[in-house]
N, C-alpha and C. Protein backbone atom coordinates (compact mmCIF):
# COMPACT_ATOMS: atom_id res chain seq x y z
N MET A 1 -18.55 19.16 11.62
CA MET A 1 -19.52 20.23 11.38
C MET A 1 -20.83 19.89 12.08
N ARG A 2 -21.31 20.81 12.85
CA ARG A 2 -22.63 20.66 13.46
C ARG A 2 -23.67 21.10 12.43
N ALA A 3 -24.73 20.32 12.29
CA ALA A 3 -25.79 20.65 11.33
C ALA A 3 -27.12 20.61 12.04
N TRP A 4 -27.95 21.61 11.77
CA TRP A 4 -29.28 21.56 12.34
C TRP A 4 -30.29 22.15 11.36
N THR A 5 -31.56 21.79 11.61
CA THR A 5 -32.68 22.24 10.80
C THR A 5 -33.61 23.05 11.67
N VAL A 6 -34.09 24.15 11.12
CA VAL A 6 -35.02 25.03 11.81
C VAL A 6 -36.25 25.19 10.93
N ALA A 7 -37.43 25.26 11.55
CA ALA A 7 -38.68 25.49 10.83
C ALA A 7 -39.26 26.83 11.28
N GLY A 8 -39.75 27.61 10.32
CA GLY A 8 -40.38 28.89 10.62
C GLY A 8 -41.78 28.93 10.04
N GLY A 9 -42.68 29.66 10.70
CA GLY A 9 -44.08 29.70 10.26
C GLY A 9 -44.58 31.10 9.99
N LEU A 10 -45.11 31.29 8.79
CA LEU A 10 -45.79 32.54 8.44
C LEU A 10 -47.24 32.38 8.85
N ILE A 11 -47.69 33.25 9.75
CA ILE A 11 -49.07 33.20 10.23
C ILE A 11 -49.68 34.57 9.98
N GLU A 12 -50.71 34.61 9.15
CA GLU A 12 -51.35 35.86 8.78
C GLU A 12 -52.75 35.93 9.39
N HIS A 13 -53.16 37.15 9.72
CA HIS A 13 -54.50 37.36 10.26
C HIS A 13 -54.91 38.81 9.97
N GLU A 14 -56.03 38.95 9.28
CA GLU A 14 -56.58 40.26 8.96
C GLU A 14 -55.54 41.19 8.33
N GLY A 15 -54.78 40.65 7.36
CA GLY A 15 -53.81 41.45 6.63
C GLY A 15 -52.52 41.74 7.37
N ARG A 16 -52.32 41.08 8.49
CA ARG A 16 -51.10 41.29 9.28
C ARG A 16 -50.36 39.96 9.44
N LEU A 17 -49.07 40.07 9.68
CA LEU A 17 -48.22 38.90 9.85
C LEU A 17 -47.72 38.86 11.29
N LEU A 18 -47.69 37.67 11.87
CA LEU A 18 -47.21 37.50 13.23
C LEU A 18 -45.69 37.35 13.24
N LEU A 19 -45.03 38.23 13.98
CA LEU A 19 -43.59 38.11 14.21
C LEU A 19 -43.36 38.03 15.71
N VAL A 20 -42.27 37.35 16.07
CA VAL A 20 -41.88 37.25 17.48
C VAL A 20 -40.53 37.91 17.67
N GLN A 21 -40.37 38.51 18.85
CA GLN A 21 -39.09 39.12 19.20
C GLN A 21 -38.31 38.13 20.05
N ASN A 22 -37.06 37.90 19.67
CA ASN A 22 -36.20 36.92 20.31
C ASN A 22 -35.08 37.61 21.08
N GLN A 23 -34.82 37.11 22.29
CA GLN A 23 -33.69 37.57 23.10
C GLN A 23 -32.56 36.58 22.87
N ARG A 24 -31.46 37.03 22.28
CA ARG A 24 -30.33 36.15 21.96
C ARG A 24 -29.37 36.05 23.14
N ARG A 25 -28.51 35.04 23.11
CA ARG A 25 -27.55 34.79 24.20
C ARG A 25 -26.64 35.98 24.47
N ASP A 26 -26.33 36.74 23.41
CA ASP A 26 -25.43 37.88 23.59
C ASP A 26 -26.16 39.13 24.08
N GLY A 27 -27.47 39.00 24.36
CA GLY A 27 -28.25 40.12 24.86
C GLY A 27 -28.97 40.91 23.78
N SER A 28 -28.64 40.68 22.52
CA SER A 28 -29.31 41.38 21.43
C SER A 28 -30.71 40.81 21.22
N THR A 29 -31.54 41.57 20.53
CA THR A 29 -32.88 41.10 20.18
C THR A 29 -33.07 41.24 18.68
N ASP A 30 -33.95 40.40 18.14
CA ASP A 30 -34.34 40.51 16.74
C ASP A 30 -35.74 39.95 16.57
N TRP A 31 -36.33 40.18 15.40
CA TRP A 31 -37.68 39.72 15.09
C TRP A 31 -37.61 38.68 13.98
N THR A 32 -38.41 37.61 14.13
CA THR A 32 -38.49 36.54 13.14
C THR A 32 -39.92 36.01 13.12
N THR A 33 -40.15 35.06 12.23
CA THR A 33 -41.39 34.29 12.31
C THR A 33 -41.28 33.38 13.53
N PRO A 34 -42.40 32.95 14.10
CA PRO A 34 -42.30 31.93 15.14
C PRO A 34 -41.77 30.63 14.55
N GLY A 35 -41.09 29.84 15.37
CA GLY A 35 -40.54 28.57 14.92
C GLY A 35 -39.32 28.22 15.74
N GLY A 36 -38.63 27.18 15.30
CA GLY A 36 -37.46 26.78 16.04
C GLY A 36 -36.82 25.53 15.51
N VAL A 37 -35.92 24.98 16.31
CA VAL A 37 -35.12 23.83 15.92
C VAL A 37 -35.98 22.57 15.84
N VAL A 38 -35.74 21.80 14.79
CA VAL A 38 -36.39 20.50 14.61
C VAL A 38 -35.56 19.48 15.38
N ASP A 39 -36.18 18.83 16.35
CA ASP A 39 -35.48 17.84 17.16
C ASP A 39 -35.23 16.56 16.37
N PRO A 40 -34.19 15.80 16.72
CA PRO A 40 -33.92 14.53 16.03
C PRO A 40 -35.16 13.62 16.07
N GLY A 41 -35.48 13.05 14.91
CA GLY A 41 -36.63 12.15 14.80
C GLY A 41 -37.95 12.85 14.58
N GLU A 42 -37.98 14.16 14.64
CA GLU A 42 -39.21 14.93 14.48
C GLU A 42 -39.39 15.33 13.01
N GLU A 43 -40.62 15.28 12.53
CA GLU A 43 -40.93 15.79 11.20
C GLU A 43 -40.97 17.31 11.25
N ILE A 44 -40.66 17.95 10.14
CA ILE A 44 -40.58 19.42 10.11
C ILE A 44 -41.89 20.07 10.53
N LEU A 45 -43.02 19.66 9.96
CA LEU A 45 -44.29 20.31 10.30
C LEU A 45 -44.73 20.00 11.73
N GLU A 46 -44.38 18.83 12.22
CA GLU A 46 -44.65 18.49 13.62
C GLU A 46 -43.86 19.44 14.53
N ALA A 47 -42.59 19.62 14.21
CA ALA A 47 -41.75 20.53 15.00
C ALA A 47 -42.24 21.96 14.91
N LEU A 48 -42.63 22.38 13.72
CA LEU A 48 -43.10 23.74 13.53
C LEU A 48 -44.37 24.00 14.34
N SER A 49 -45.30 23.09 14.29
CA SER A 49 -46.54 23.24 15.07
C SER A 49 -46.23 23.31 16.57
N ARG A 50 -45.32 22.44 17.03
CA ARG A 50 -44.92 22.44 18.44
C ARG A 50 -44.28 23.77 18.82
N GLU A 51 -43.35 24.24 18.02
CA GLU A 51 -42.65 25.48 18.32
C GLU A 51 -43.60 26.69 18.33
N VAL A 52 -44.50 26.75 17.35
CA VAL A 52 -45.45 27.87 17.30
C VAL A 52 -46.35 27.86 18.54
N LEU A 53 -46.82 26.69 18.92
CA LEU A 53 -47.65 26.59 20.12
C LEU A 53 -46.88 27.01 21.37
N GLU A 54 -45.64 26.53 21.50
CA GLU A 54 -44.81 26.90 22.66
C GLU A 54 -44.52 28.40 22.72
N GLU A 55 -44.22 28.97 21.57
CA GLU A 55 -43.80 30.38 21.54
C GLU A 55 -44.95 31.37 21.57
N THR A 56 -46.10 30.99 21.00
CA THR A 56 -47.18 31.97 20.83
C THR A 56 -48.50 31.58 21.45
N GLY A 57 -48.69 30.30 21.78
CA GLY A 57 -49.98 29.83 22.27
C GLY A 57 -50.96 29.51 21.16
N LEU A 58 -50.59 29.72 19.89
CA LEU A 58 -51.48 29.44 18.77
C LEU A 58 -51.31 28.00 18.29
N ALA A 59 -52.44 27.32 18.07
CA ALA A 59 -52.43 25.96 17.53
C ALA A 59 -52.74 26.05 16.04
N VAL A 60 -51.73 25.77 15.21
CA VAL A 60 -51.91 25.82 13.76
C VAL A 60 -52.63 24.56 13.30
N THR A 61 -53.67 24.75 12.48
CA THR A 61 -54.49 23.62 12.02
C THR A 61 -54.09 23.10 10.65
N GLY A 62 -53.21 23.81 9.96
CA GLY A 62 -52.74 23.35 8.65
C GLY A 62 -51.59 24.21 8.15
N TRP A 63 -50.73 23.58 7.33
CA TRP A 63 -49.57 24.27 6.76
C TRP A 63 -49.53 24.06 5.26
N GLU A 64 -48.96 25.04 4.53
CA GLU A 64 -48.64 24.84 3.12
C GLU A 64 -47.19 25.27 2.90
N GLY A 65 -46.60 24.72 1.87
CA GLY A 65 -45.21 25.08 1.57
C GLY A 65 -44.31 23.87 1.59
N PRO A 66 -43.01 24.11 1.68
CA PRO A 66 -42.36 25.33 2.12
C PRO A 66 -42.41 26.43 1.06
N LEU A 67 -42.43 27.67 1.53
CA LEU A 67 -42.38 28.81 0.63
C LEU A 67 -40.94 29.16 0.30
N TRP A 68 -40.04 28.99 1.28
CA TRP A 68 -38.62 29.14 0.99
C TRP A 68 -37.81 28.33 1.97
N GLN A 69 -36.57 28.10 1.53
CA GLN A 69 -35.57 27.45 2.37
C GLN A 69 -34.34 28.34 2.42
N VAL A 70 -33.68 28.32 3.53
CA VAL A 70 -32.38 29.00 3.69
C VAL A 70 -31.36 27.92 4.00
N GLU A 71 -30.27 27.96 3.26
CA GLU A 71 -29.14 27.08 3.54
C GLU A 71 -27.96 27.98 3.87
N ALA A 72 -27.42 27.84 5.06
CA ALA A 72 -26.29 28.66 5.50
C ALA A 72 -25.17 27.76 5.98
N GLU A 73 -23.96 28.14 5.62
CA GLU A 73 -22.78 27.40 6.08
C GLU A 73 -21.83 28.38 6.75
N ALA A 74 -21.25 27.94 7.84
CA ALA A 74 -20.29 28.76 8.57
C ALA A 74 -19.08 27.88 8.89
N PRO A 75 -18.22 27.65 7.89
CA PRO A 75 -17.11 26.73 8.10
C PRO A 75 -16.17 27.14 9.23
N ASP A 76 -15.95 28.44 9.41
CA ASP A 76 -15.06 28.89 10.48
C ASP A 76 -15.65 28.65 11.87
N MET A 77 -16.98 28.56 11.94
CA MET A 77 -17.65 28.31 13.22
C MET A 77 -18.07 26.85 13.36
N GLY A 78 -17.91 26.06 12.28
CA GLY A 78 -18.17 24.64 12.35
C GLY A 78 -19.62 24.22 12.32
N TRP A 79 -20.46 24.97 11.56
CA TRP A 79 -21.86 24.57 11.49
C TRP A 79 -22.47 24.83 10.13
N THR A 80 -23.57 24.11 9.88
CA THR A 80 -24.45 24.37 8.74
C THR A 80 -25.87 24.45 9.27
N LEU A 81 -26.69 25.19 8.57
CA LEU A 81 -28.07 25.43 8.99
C LEU A 81 -28.97 25.33 7.77
N ARG A 82 -30.11 24.66 7.95
CA ARG A 82 -31.15 24.64 6.93
C ARG A 82 -32.44 25.10 7.59
N VAL A 83 -33.09 26.08 6.97
CA VAL A 83 -34.35 26.61 7.49
C VAL A 83 -35.42 26.39 6.44
N GLU A 84 -36.58 25.89 6.86
CA GLU A 84 -37.75 25.77 5.99
C GLU A 84 -38.84 26.65 6.56
N VAL A 85 -39.43 27.49 5.71
CA VAL A 85 -40.50 28.37 6.15
C VAL A 85 -41.79 27.98 5.44
N HIS A 86 -42.83 27.72 6.24
CA HIS A 86 -44.15 27.32 5.75
C HIS A 86 -45.18 28.38 6.14
N ARG A 87 -46.32 28.36 5.44
CA ARG A 87 -47.40 29.31 5.73
C ARG A 87 -48.57 28.56 6.35
N ALA A 88 -49.09 29.11 7.45
CA ALA A 88 -50.24 28.51 8.11
C ALA A 88 -51.48 28.73 7.26
N THR A 89 -52.31 27.69 7.15
CA THR A 89 -53.59 27.82 6.44
C THR A 89 -54.74 28.02 7.42
N GLY A 90 -54.47 27.88 8.69
CA GLY A 90 -55.47 28.12 9.72
C GLY A 90 -54.84 27.97 11.09
N PHE A 91 -55.46 28.61 12.08
CA PHE A 91 -54.96 28.48 13.45
C PHE A 91 -56.10 28.75 14.42
N GLU A 92 -55.89 28.32 15.67
CA GLU A 92 -56.85 28.54 16.75
C GLU A 92 -56.12 29.11 17.95
N GLY A 93 -56.85 29.85 18.76
CA GLY A 93 -56.29 30.36 20.00
C GLY A 93 -55.97 31.84 19.92
N ARG A 94 -55.32 32.30 20.97
CA ARG A 94 -54.88 33.70 21.04
C ARG A 94 -53.45 33.72 21.52
N ILE A 95 -52.77 34.81 21.27
CA ILE A 95 -51.36 34.90 21.63
C ILE A 95 -51.18 34.84 23.14
N LEU A 96 -50.32 33.93 23.54
CA LEU A 96 -49.93 33.76 24.94
C LEU A 96 -48.44 33.45 24.95
N LEU A 97 -47.65 34.39 25.44
CA LEU A 97 -46.20 34.19 25.47
C LEU A 97 -45.81 33.37 26.69
N ASP A 98 -45.29 32.19 26.43
CA ASP A 98 -44.85 31.30 27.50
C ASP A 98 -43.78 30.37 26.95
N ASP A 99 -42.77 30.93 26.27
CA ASP A 99 -41.74 30.14 25.62
C ASP A 99 -40.90 29.40 26.66
N PRO A 100 -40.92 28.06 26.64
CA PRO A 100 -40.15 27.30 27.63
C PRO A 100 -38.64 27.50 27.49
N ASP A 101 -38.19 27.94 26.31
CA ASP A 101 -36.76 28.20 26.11
C ASP A 101 -36.35 29.60 26.56
N GLY A 102 -37.34 30.45 26.85
CA GLY A 102 -37.06 31.80 27.31
C GLY A 102 -36.47 32.71 26.24
N ILE A 103 -36.65 32.37 24.98
CA ILE A 103 -36.09 33.16 23.89
C ILE A 103 -37.09 34.22 23.42
N VAL A 104 -38.35 33.82 23.22
CA VAL A 104 -39.37 34.75 22.71
C VAL A 104 -39.83 35.66 23.84
N ILE A 105 -39.66 36.97 23.64
CA ILE A 105 -40.03 37.94 24.67
C ILE A 105 -41.18 38.85 24.27
N ASP A 106 -41.61 38.79 22.99
CA ASP A 106 -42.72 39.60 22.53
C ASP A 106 -43.25 38.99 21.25
N ALA A 107 -44.48 39.34 20.91
CA ALA A 107 -45.10 38.92 19.65
C ALA A 107 -46.03 40.04 19.21
N ALA A 108 -46.13 40.21 17.89
CA ALA A 108 -46.98 41.28 17.39
C ALA A 108 -47.51 40.94 16.00
N TRP A 109 -48.76 41.32 15.76
CA TRP A 109 -49.35 41.25 14.43
C TRP A 109 -48.98 42.55 13.73
N LEU A 110 -48.23 42.47 12.63
CA LEU A 110 -47.68 43.66 11.98
C LEU A 110 -48.14 43.78 10.54
N ASP A 111 -48.41 45.04 10.13
CA ASP A 111 -48.68 45.29 8.72
C ASP A 111 -47.35 45.31 7.98
N LEU A 112 -47.39 45.53 6.68
CA LEU A 112 -46.19 45.48 5.86
C LEU A 112 -45.13 46.46 6.35
N ALA A 113 -45.52 47.68 6.64
CA ALA A 113 -44.55 48.69 7.12
C ALA A 113 -43.95 48.26 8.46
N GLY A 114 -44.77 47.72 9.34
CA GLY A 114 -44.28 47.26 10.63
C GLY A 114 -43.30 46.11 10.49
N CYS A 115 -43.57 45.21 9.55
CA CYS A 115 -42.63 44.10 9.29
C CYS A 115 -41.30 44.65 8.81
N HIS A 116 -41.34 45.59 7.87
CA HIS A 116 -40.09 46.18 7.37
C HIS A 116 -39.30 46.82 8.50
N ASP A 117 -39.98 47.55 9.39
CA ASP A 117 -39.30 48.20 10.51
C ASP A 117 -38.66 47.17 11.44
N CYS A 118 -39.43 46.16 11.83
CA CYS A 118 -38.92 45.16 12.78
C CYS A 118 -37.80 44.32 12.18
N LEU A 119 -37.90 44.01 10.90
CA LEU A 119 -36.91 43.15 10.27
C LEU A 119 -35.65 43.88 9.85
N SER A 120 -35.65 45.21 9.93
CA SER A 120 -34.52 45.99 9.42
C SER A 120 -33.20 45.63 10.10
N THR A 121 -33.23 45.18 11.33
CA THR A 121 -31.99 44.84 12.04
C THR A 121 -31.81 43.33 12.23
N SER A 122 -32.70 42.54 11.64
CA SER A 122 -32.58 41.08 11.75
C SER A 122 -31.44 40.56 10.90
N TRP A 123 -30.98 39.38 11.22
CA TRP A 123 -29.91 38.69 10.52
C TRP A 123 -30.28 38.55 9.04
N LEU A 124 -29.35 38.84 8.12
CA LEU A 124 -29.62 38.85 6.68
C LEU A 124 -30.31 37.57 6.19
N PRO A 125 -29.86 36.36 6.55
CA PRO A 125 -30.55 35.16 6.05
C PRO A 125 -31.99 35.02 6.56
N ALA A 126 -32.35 35.71 7.62
CA ALA A 126 -33.74 35.72 8.08
C ALA A 126 -34.52 36.85 7.41
N ARG A 127 -33.89 38.00 7.28
CA ARG A 127 -34.55 39.20 6.77
C ARG A 127 -34.80 39.16 5.27
N GLU A 128 -33.78 38.83 4.49
CA GLU A 128 -33.87 38.95 3.04
C GLU A 128 -35.00 38.11 2.42
N PRO A 129 -35.10 36.81 2.72
CA PRO A 129 -36.19 36.03 2.12
C PRO A 129 -37.57 36.51 2.57
N MET A 130 -37.68 36.89 3.85
CA MET A 130 -38.98 37.34 4.36
C MET A 130 -39.43 38.61 3.67
N LEU A 131 -38.54 39.59 3.54
CA LEU A 131 -38.93 40.83 2.87
C LEU A 131 -39.26 40.60 1.40
N ALA A 132 -38.53 39.70 0.75
CA ALA A 132 -38.84 39.37 -0.64
C ALA A 132 -40.23 38.74 -0.74
N TRP A 133 -40.54 37.81 0.17
CA TRP A 133 -41.85 37.16 0.13
C TRP A 133 -42.97 38.16 0.43
N LEU A 134 -42.75 39.05 1.38
CA LEU A 134 -43.76 40.06 1.68
C LEU A 134 -44.06 40.94 0.47
N GLY A 135 -43.07 41.17 -0.38
CA GLY A 135 -43.27 41.98 -1.57
C GLY A 135 -43.93 41.25 -2.71
N GLU A 136 -43.74 39.92 -2.78
CA GLU A 136 -44.25 39.15 -3.91
C GLU A 136 -45.30 38.11 -3.56
N LYS A 137 -45.24 37.55 -2.36
CA LYS A 137 -46.14 36.49 -1.89
C LYS A 137 -46.24 35.32 -2.89
N TRP A 138 -45.08 34.78 -3.26
CA TRP A 138 -45.03 33.65 -4.18
C TRP A 138 -45.50 32.37 -3.50
N LEU A 139 -45.82 31.36 -4.31
CA LEU A 139 -46.26 30.06 -3.79
C LEU A 139 -45.27 28.94 -4.10
N GLU A 140 -44.46 29.11 -5.13
CA GLU A 140 -43.48 28.08 -5.49
C GLU A 140 -42.25 28.25 -4.60
N PRO A 141 -41.69 27.16 -4.09
CA PRO A 141 -40.55 27.26 -3.16
C PRO A 141 -39.32 27.91 -3.80
N ARG A 142 -38.61 28.66 -2.98
CA ARG A 142 -37.34 29.28 -3.38
C ARG A 142 -36.28 28.88 -2.36
N THR A 143 -35.04 28.95 -2.79
CA THR A 143 -33.92 28.64 -1.90
C THR A 143 -32.96 29.81 -1.88
N TYR A 144 -32.55 30.16 -0.68
CA TYR A 144 -31.56 31.22 -0.46
C TYR A 144 -30.35 30.56 0.20
N ARG A 145 -29.15 30.83 -0.36
CA ARG A 145 -27.93 30.22 0.18
C ARG A 145 -26.96 31.31 0.65
N TYR A 146 -26.33 31.05 1.80
CA TYR A 146 -25.41 32.01 2.40
C TYR A 146 -24.20 31.30 2.96
N ARG A 147 -23.09 32.04 3.02
CA ARG A 147 -21.90 31.57 3.71
C ARG A 147 -21.48 32.67 4.69
N LEU A 148 -21.15 32.26 5.90
CA LEU A 148 -20.67 33.20 6.91
C LEU A 148 -19.17 33.00 7.04
N GLU A 149 -18.44 34.11 6.97
CA GLU A 149 -17.00 34.07 7.14
C GLU A 149 -16.65 34.80 8.42
N GLY A 150 -15.94 34.11 9.31
CA GLY A 150 -15.58 34.68 10.60
C GLY A 150 -15.84 33.67 11.69
N ILE A 151 -15.41 34.00 12.89
CA ILE A 151 -15.51 33.05 14.00
C ILE A 151 -16.63 33.39 14.97
N ASP A 152 -17.37 34.46 14.71
CA ASP A 152 -18.47 34.87 15.59
C ASP A 152 -19.62 35.35 14.72
N ARG A 153 -20.82 34.80 14.93
CA ARG A 153 -21.96 35.14 14.09
C ARG A 153 -22.25 36.64 14.08
N ALA A 154 -22.11 37.29 15.23
CA ALA A 154 -22.43 38.71 15.33
C ALA A 154 -21.52 39.56 14.44
N ASP A 155 -20.27 39.12 14.26
CA ASP A 155 -19.32 39.90 13.47
C ASP A 155 -18.98 39.27 12.11
N ALA A 156 -19.63 38.16 11.78
CA ALA A 156 -19.31 37.45 10.55
C ALA A 156 -19.73 38.23 9.32
N ASN A 157 -18.98 38.04 8.26
CA ASN A 157 -19.33 38.59 6.96
C ASN A 157 -20.29 37.58 6.31
N VAL A 158 -21.53 38.00 6.02
CA VAL A 158 -22.53 37.11 5.43
C VAL A 158 -22.55 37.35 3.93
N ILE A 159 -22.33 36.28 3.17
CA ILE A 159 -22.25 36.37 1.72
C ILE A 159 -23.40 35.57 1.11
N ARG A 160 -24.18 36.21 0.24
CA ARG A 160 -25.25 35.51 -0.48
C ARG A 160 -24.61 34.73 -1.61
N LEU A 161 -24.90 33.44 -1.72
CA LEU A 161 -24.27 32.57 -2.71
C LEU A 161 -25.04 32.46 -4.00
N ASP A 162 -26.29 32.83 -4.04
CA ASP A 162 -27.08 32.69 -5.29
C ASP A 162 -26.75 33.76 -6.29
């Protein structure tokens, strides 16, 4: 089983949340928080700060959380995933898209309605916790667990385990 950890960052400014649009390998696009894979030997917040800077040009000066974690298993595809999402307490800079991985193709500061619209087609384990947090804005960590059944993520049946 391949296992990896991903860190995501909630960055708010003037009542809006920053989301990035990602171009996936299959040509599809979706919106998520900025963030990415934690490299071996890297601390989660170190990786998150690096990923946010690479994807958006913003230098985060502090983090709180995690606000939620996602644990997903895909036994038919041979992987497990753990995602930790933290909230920025401050940042510097302005948005500059220059993702070295070529995944992030857009970024936008969105109000609540805009977030709902952009997230409507995102992957369930990314969409569900984010929309719940946008509605409640809790501070105590929560965990969301999922299992994917099938051999392809795009066509897999996603089951919430909680």
